[in-house]
């Protein structure tokens, strides 16, 4: 895989990580409203979804790096 391919994968991973962190920060800042409205599960599902995307990109990136080492 080329350096450009790695850069693309890293960019995707960082994008997913940023989305997850942004949502996590919003949840922490608005925790009273979220608790009051009983939205904990909905926000937890969104955060888990972003984390799954981030991990998926990370796994592909690690696999590609492994292939370049061997």
C-alpha atoms as a PDB file:
ATOM      1  CA  UNK A   1       0.000   0.000   0.000  1.00  0.00           C
ATOM      2  CA  UNK A   2       1.275   3.441  -0.839  1.00  0.00           C
ATOM      3  CA  UNK A   3       1.882   6.318   1.525  1.00  0.00           C
ATOM      4  CA  UNK A   4      -1.169   8.043   0.076  1.00  0.00           C
ATOM      5  CA  UNK A   5      -3.302   5.047   0.989  1.00  0.00           C
ATOM      6  CA  UNK A   6      -2.037   5.131   4.569  1.00  0.00           C
ATOM      7  CA  UNK A   7      -2.714   8.849   4.743  1.00  0.00           C
ATOM      8  CA  UNK A   8      -6.284   8.289   3.530  1.00  0.00           C
ATOM      9  CA  UNK A   9      -6.888   5.608   6.156  1.00  0.00           C
ATOM     10  CA  UNK A  10      -5.378   7.759   8.895  1.00  0.00           C
ATOM     11  CA  UNK A  11      -7.539  10.688   7.816  1.00  0.00           C
ATOM     12  CA  UNK A  12     -10.673   8.537   8.019  1.00  0.00           C
ATOM     13  CA  UNK A  13      -9.689   7.238  11.434  1.00  0.00           C
ATOM     14  CA  UNK A  14      -9.001  10.734  12.757  1.00  0.00           C
ATOM     15  CA  UNK A  15     -12.335  11.953  11.357  1.00  0.00           C
ATOM     16  CA  UNK A  16     -14.236   9.206  13.188  1.00  0.00           C
ATOM     17  CA  UNK A  17     -12.247   9.845  16.358  1.00  0.00           C
ATOM     18  CA  UNK A  18     -12.980  13.581  16.199  1.00  0.00           C
ATOM     19  CA  UNK A  19     -16.711  12.915  15.716  1.00  0.00           C
ATOM     20  CA  UNK A  20     -16.750  10.588  18.712  1.00  0.00           C
ATOM     21  CA  UNK A  21     -14.836  13.006  20.932  1.00  0.00           C
ATOM     22  CA  UNK A  22     -17.058  15.916  19.881  1.00  0.00           C
ATOM     23  CA  UNK A  23     -20.210  13.962  20.722  1.00  0.00           C
ATOM     24  CA  UNK A  24     -18.731  12.752  24.006  1.00  0.00           C
ATOM     25  CA  UNK A  25     -17.915  16.342  24.983  1.00  0.00           C
ATOM     26  CA  UNK A  26     -21.437  17.469  24.068  1.00  0.00           C
ATOM     27  CA  UNK A  27     -22.883  14.682  26.204  1.00  0.00           C
ATOM     28  CA  UNK A  28     -20.687  15.628  29.154  1.00  0.00           C
ATOM     29  CA  UNK A  29     -21.587  19.306  28.870  1.00  0.00           C
ATOM     30  CA  UNK A  30     -25.313  18.595  28.585  1.00  0.00           C
ATOM     31  CA  UNK A  31     -25.534  15.661  30.970  1.00  0.00           C
ATOM     32  CA  UNK A  32     -28.319  17.212  33.072  1.00  0.00           C
ATOM     33  CA  UNK A  33     -30.597  17.707  30.059  1.00  0.00           C
ATOM     34  CA  UNK A  34     -29.766  14.247  28.720  1.00  0.00           C
ATOM     35  CA  UNK A  35     -30.511  12.618  32.069  1.00  0.00           C
ATOM     36  CA  UNK A  36     -33.693  14.646  32.517  1.00  0.00           C
ATOM     37  CA  UNK A  37     -34.966  13.580  29.088  1.00  0.00           C
ATOM     38  CA  UNK A  38     -33.766   9.967  29.485  1.00  0.00           C
ATOM     39  CA  UNK A  39     -31.642  10.124  26.315  1.00  0.00           C
ATOM     40  CA  UNK A  40     -28.655   8.274  27.789  1.00  0.00           C
ATOM     41  CA  UNK A  41     -29.115   5.153  25.694  1.00  0.00           C
ATOM     42  CA  UNK A  42     -29.557   7.062  22.428  1.00  0.00           C
ATOM     43  CA  UNK A  43     -26.367   9.051  22.959  1.00  0.00           C
ATOM     44  CA  UNK A  44     -24.468   5.973  24.137  1.00  0.00           C
ATOM     45  CA  UNK A  45     -25.481   4.172  20.939  1.00  0.00           C
ATOM     46  CA  UNK A  46     -24.227   7.083  18.824  1.00  0.00           C
ATOM     47  CA  UNK A  47     -20.895   7.175  20.651  1.00  0.00           C
ATOM     48  CA  UNK A  48     -20.508   3.404  20.308  1.00  0.00           C
ATOM     49  CA  UNK A  49     -21.281   3.681  16.584  1.00  0.00           C
ATOM     50  CA  UNK A  50     -18.549   6.303  16.082  1.00  0.00           C
ATOM     51  CA  UNK A  51     -16.119   4.193  18.108  1.00  0.00           C
ATOM     52  CA  UNK A  52     -16.880   1.120  15.985  1.00  0.00           C
ATOM     53  CA  UNK A  53     -16.115   3.095  12.800  1.00  0.00           C
ATOM     54  CA  UNK A  54     -12.903   4.382  14.342  1.00  0.00           C
ATOM     55  CA  UNK A  55     -11.800   0.882  15.367  1.00  0.00           C
ATOM     56  CA  UNK A  56     -12.658  -0.498  11.930  1.00  0.00           C
ATOM     57  CA  UNK A  57     -10.399   2.049  10.229  1.00  0.00           C
ATOM     58  CA  UNK A  58      -7.694   1.393  12.801  1.00  0.00           C
ATOM     59  CA  UNK A  59      -7.788  -2.362  12.142  1.00  0.00           C
ATOM     60  CA  UNK A  60      -7.448  -1.845   8.392  1.00  0.00           C
ATOM     61  CA  UNK A  61      -4.582   0.569   8.971  1.00  0.00           C
ATOM     62  CA  UNK A  62      -2.769  -1.896  11.227  1.00  0.00           C
ATOM     63  CA  UNK A  63      -3.303  -4.739   8.756  1.00  0.00           C
ATOM     64  CA  UNK A  64      -1.886  -2.643   5.928  1.00  0.00           C
ATOM     65  CA  UNK A  65       1.114  -1.686   8.029  1.00  0.00           C
ATOM     66  CA  UNK A  66       1.671  -5.341   8.836  1.00  0.00           C
ATOM     67  CA  UNK A  67       1.673  -6.179   5.132  1.00  0.00           C
ATOM     68  CA  UNK A  68       4.322  -3.542   4.429  1.00  0.00           C
ATOM     69  CA  UNK A  69       6.557  -4.881   7.213  1.00  0.00           C
ATOM     70  CA  UNK A  70       6.486  -8.475   6.014  1.00  0.00           C
END
